[in-house]
Amino acid sequence: MELFNHDPDFKMDVLREVGNIGAGHAATALSRLLDKPVDMAVPTVNFVPFEMIADRVGGSEEVVIAIFLRVDGECPGNMFFLMSKPQASRLLLVLLGFEAAESDKYSEMELSALCEIGNILAGSYLSSLADLTGLSMSPSVPSIAVDMAGAILSYGLLQFGTMGDDALLIDTTFLKGEQEAEGHFFFIPDPQSFERMFVSLGVPIE
């Protein structure tokens, strides 16, 4: 199938397809894991500058739950799944029926569950991106942290080295009846990785 197209919206259309396919894979994987249906809203997909990532979760001093991992292969980069603490508690309730503890501390079981959810999301979005581009991409074992958003991103820079200037943002919402929980999924390709990705998709690079 020929993907070359000079429509300026074509690039975003392709990336929205990554989000849609990835969300479908994630819902299926989580349904199997939990042995019950999991509903996800159609994700919204955007580009954001790296320095704006923390603003999407309330600012650099906002305490968040973060699942992060390194992507190796032909399109290397870094992945973060960030949630505010209220949204993380709501996610545990929506997906697992866990009532959040009144204290600010999460149990090992809750952190493990959040890490696995983030891992499934990362794997699903990464798989859809790899399938569409034909590029090999393999995730590292994920880590989870509870800290200020700015500190987590700074740690990511120290851990993984220089990151690209832009991030692919996929806003992800889980649904259960009238309840919903949302998180922000960021893929930050290394410098040159975005160009490699879009060339593989047949999107002209200006």
Protein backbone atom coordinates (compact mmCIF):
# COMPACT_ATOMS: atom_id res chain seq x y z
CA MET A 1 0.00 0.00 0.00
CA GLU A 2 1.40 3.39 -1.02
CA LEU A 3 1.49 5.81 1.90
CA PHE A 4 3.05 8.86 0.27
CA ASN A 5 0.72 11.80 0.60
CA HIS A 6 1.33 15.55 0.70
CA ASP A 7 -1.73 16.33 2.81
CA PRO A 8 -0.34 18.20 5.87
CA ASP A 9 -2.80 16.31 8.07
CA PHE A 10 -1.62 12.93 6.81
CA LYS A 11 1.14 12.64 9.41
CA MET A 12 -1.36 13.09 12.26
CA ASP A 13 -3.82 10.71 10.62
CA VAL A 14 -1.14 8.03 10.60
CA LEU A 15 -0.28 8.66 14.24
CA ARG A 16 -3.94 8.60 15.26
CA GLU A 17 -4.11 5.18 13.64
CA VAL A 18 -1.18 4.13 15.83
CA GLY A 19 -3.18 5.28 18.86
CA ASN A 20 -6.38 3.56 17.75
CA ILE A 21 -4.74 0.23 16.95
CA GLY A 22 -2.63 0.36 20.11
CA ALA A 23 -5.67 1.10 22.29
CA GLY A 24 -7.48 -1.86 20.73
CA HIS A 25 -4.52 -4.15 21.44
CA ALA A 26 -4.27 -2.83 25.01
CA ALA A 27 -7.98 -3.32 25.72
CA THR A 28 -7.77 -6.90 24.45
CA ALA A 29 -4.63 -7.69 26.46
CA LEU A 30 -6.05 -6.17 29.66
CA SER A 31 -9.36 -8.02 29.15
CA ARG A 32 -7.47 -11.31 28.97
CA LEU A 33 -5.35 -10.46 32.00
CA LEU A 34 -8.31 -9.38 34.13
CA ASP A 35 -10.78 -11.88 32.64
CA LYS A 36 -13.38 -9.15 32.11
CA PRO A 37 -14.19 -6.58 29.42
CA VAL A 38 -12.05 -3.44 29.39
CA ASP A 39 -13.34 -0.37 27.55
CA MET A 40 -11.10 2.44 26.34
CA ALA A 41 -12.15 5.69 24.71
CA VAL A 42 -10.72 6.61 21.32
CA PRO A 43 -7.36 8.16 22.26
CA THR A 44 -6.35 11.67 21.30
CA VAL A 45 -2.93 11.97 19.69
CA ASN A 46 -0.73 15.07 19.53
CA PHE A 47 2.86 16.27 19.37
CA VAL A 48 4.14 18.20 22.37
CA PRO A 49 7.59 19.72 23.00
CA PHE A 50 9.60 17.81 25.59
CA GLU A 51 9.57 20.77 28.00
CA MET A 52 5.73 20.79 27.94
CA ILE A 53 5.33 17.18 29.11
CA ALA A 54 5.17 18.06 32.81
CA ASP A 55 2.53 20.72 32.10
CA ARG A 56 0.19 18.04 30.77
CA VAL A 57 0.08 16.44 34.22
CA GLY A 58 -0.22 19.60 36.32
CA GLY A 59 3.30 21.02 36.29
CA SER A 60 6.82 19.95 37.19
CA GLU A 61 6.07 19.93 40.93
CA GLU A 62 2.94 17.78 40.62
CA VAL A 63 3.42 14.36 42.21
CA VAL A 64 2.62 11.69 39.63
CA ILE A 65 2.87 7.96 39.13
CA ALA A 66 5.15 7.18 36.20
CA ILE A 67 5.91 3.97 34.36
CA PHE A 68 8.94 4.44 32.15
CA LEU A 69 11.05 2.29 29.86
CA ARG A 70 13.62 2.44 27.10
CA VAL A 71 12.86 1.48 23.50
CA ASP A 72 15.70 -0.12 21.54
CA GLY A 73 15.88 -1.08 17.88
CA GLU A 74 15.60 0.86 14.64
CA CYS A 75 13.56 3.69 16.19
CA PRO A 76 15.03 4.11 19.70
CA GLY A 77 13.51 6.39 22.28
CA ASN A 78 11.93 6.58 25.71
CA MET A 79 8.41 5.90 26.90
CA PHE A 80 6.57 7.34 29.89
CA PHE A 81 3.04 6.66 31.11
CA LEU A 82 2.16 9.43 33.57
CA MET A 83 -0.89 9.65 35.84
CA SER A 84 -1.86 12.05 38.59
CA LYS A 85 -2.37 10.34 41.94
CA PRO A 86 -6.17 10.78 41.81
CA GLN A 87 -6.26 9.31 38.30
CA ALA A 88 -4.05 6.38 39.35
CA SER A 89 -6.39 5.64 42.25
CA ARG A 90 -9.35 5.87 39.89
CA LEU A 91 -7.63 3.55 37.43
CA LEU A 92 -7.15 0.94 40.15
CA LEU A 93 -10.84 1.25 40.98
CA VAL A 94 -12.07 1.16 37.36
CA LEU A 95 -9.94 -1.79 36.27
CA LEU A 96 -9.40 -3.79 39.46
CA GLY A 97 -12.02 -2.64 41.90
CA PHE A 98 -9.32 -1.56 44.36
CA GLU A 99 -10.46 1.15 46.75
CA ALA A 100 -7.55 3.56 47.08
CA ALA A 101 -5.99 3.78 50.51
CA GLU A 102 -6.57 7.05 52.33
CA SER A 103 -2.85 7.51 52.83
CA ASP A 104 -0.61 8.82 50.06
CA LYS A 105 1.34 5.58 49.96
CA TYR A 106 0.60 2.79 47.52
CA SER A 107 0.94 -0.86 48.46
CA GLU A 108 3.33 -3.14 46.59
CA MET A 109 0.29 -4.83 45.00
CA GLU A 110 -1.11 -1.50 43.77
CA LEU A 111 2.25 -0.38 42.36
CA SER A 112 2.72 -3.76 40.69
CA ALA A 113 -0.75 -3.54 39.12
CA LEU A 114 -0.14 0.00 37.84
CA CYS A 115 3.24 -1.03 36.44
CA GLU A 116 1.71 -3.98 34.59
CA ILE A 117 -1.06 -1.79 33.16
CA GLY A 118 1.56 0.70 31.95
CA ASN A 119 3.65 -2.15 30.55
CA ILE A 120 0.69 -3.51 28.57
CA LEU A 121 -0.12 -0.05 27.23
CA ALA A 122 3.49 0.58 26.22
CA GLY A 123 3.76 -2.81 24.53
CA SER A 124 0.47 -2.30 22.68
CA TYR A 125 1.28 1.17 21.35
CA LEU A 126 4.83 0.12 20.50
CA SER A 127 3.58 -2.96 18.67
CA SER A 128 1.15 -0.91 16.57
CA LEU A 129 3.90 1.58 15.74
CA ALA A 130 6.30 -1.21 14.78
CA ASP A 131 3.65 -2.93 12.65
CA LEU A 132 2.81 0.25 10.74
CA THR A 133 6.43 1.34 10.20
CA GLY A 134 7.98 -2.08 9.69
CA LEU A 135 10.75 -1.02 12.09
CA SER A 136 11.99 -3.24 14.89
CA MET A 137 11.33 -1.83 18.37
CA SER A 138 11.81 -3.65 21.64
CA PRO A 139 10.94 -2.30 25.11
CA SER A 140 13.08 -2.70 28.20
CA VAL A 141 11.66 -3.93 31.50
CA PRO A 142 9.52 -1.06 32.85
CA SER A 143 10.17 0.81 36.08
CA ILE A 144 7.63 2.65 38.23
CA ALA A 145 8.14 5.75 40.38
CA VAL A 146 6.03 8.09 42.49
CA ASP A 147 7.60 11.55 42.47
CA MET A 148 7.28 15.07 41.08
CA ALA A 149 6.88 15.07 37.30
CA GLY A 150 9.97 17.25 36.81
CA ALA A 151 12.11 14.93 38.92
CA ILE A 152 10.94 11.87 36.98
CA LEU A 153 11.72 13.45 33.62
CA SER A 154 15.11 14.61 34.90
CA TYR A 155 15.83 11.08 36.09
CA GLY A 156 14.88 9.82 32.65
CA LEU A 157 17.41 12.17 31.09
CA LEU A 158 20.11 10.90 33.45
CA GLN A 159 19.12 7.27 32.96
CA PHE A 160 18.68 7.26 29.20
CA GLY A 161 20.82 10.16 28.00
CA THR A 162 19.77 12.94 25.64
CA MET A 163 16.14 12.81 24.58
CA GLY A 164 14.53 14.20 21.45
CA ASP A 165 12.92 17.64 21.42
CA ASP A 166 9.40 16.38 20.74
CA ALA A 167 7.11 13.74 22.18
CA LEU A 168 4.23 11.80 20.71
CA LEU A 169 1.39 12.15 23.25
CA ILE A 170 -1.44 9.63 23.39
CA ASP A 171 -4.10 10.57 25.96
CA THR A 172 -5.63 7.31 27.14
CA THR A 173 -8.97 6.97 28.94
CA PHE A 174 -10.33 3.81 30.55
CA LEU A 175 -14.09 3.51 31.00
CA LYS A 176 -16.39 1.58 33.31
CA GLY A 177 -20.00 2.73 33.20
CA GLU A 178 -19.94 6.40 34.14
CA GLN A 179 -16.51 6.09 35.75
CA GLU A 180 -13.37 6.92 33.84
CA ALA A 181 -9.66 7.17 34.51
CA GLU A 182 -7.08 8.76 32.28
CA GLY A 183 -3.35 8.76 31.80
CA HIS A 184 -0.87 10.39 29.46
CA PHE A 185 1.36 8.18 27.35
CA PHE A 186 4.49 9.77 25.87
CA PHE A 187 6.89 8.33 23.31
CA ILE A 188 10.01 10.50 23.05
CA PRO A 189 12.08 9.31 20.08
CA ASP A 190 15.81 9.91 20.07
CA PRO A 191 17.05 12.62 17.68
CA GLN A 192 16.63 11.35 14.09
CA SER A 193 14.16 8.64 15.14
CA PHE A 194 11.08 10.69 14.18
CA GLU A 195 12.51 11.19 10.68
CA ARG A 196 13.25 7.47 10.36
CA MET A 197 9.75 6.65 11.56
CA PHE A 198 7.99 8.96 9.11
CA VAL A 199 10.17 7.90 6.19
CA SER A 200 9.14 4.31 6.94
CA LEU A 201 5.50 5.43 6.91
CA GLY A 202 5.96 7.17 3.57
CA VAL A 203 5.35 10.63 5.05
CA PRO A 204 7.40 13.31 3.25
CA ILE A 205 9.98 15.03 5.46
CA GLU A 206 10.32 18.73 4.75
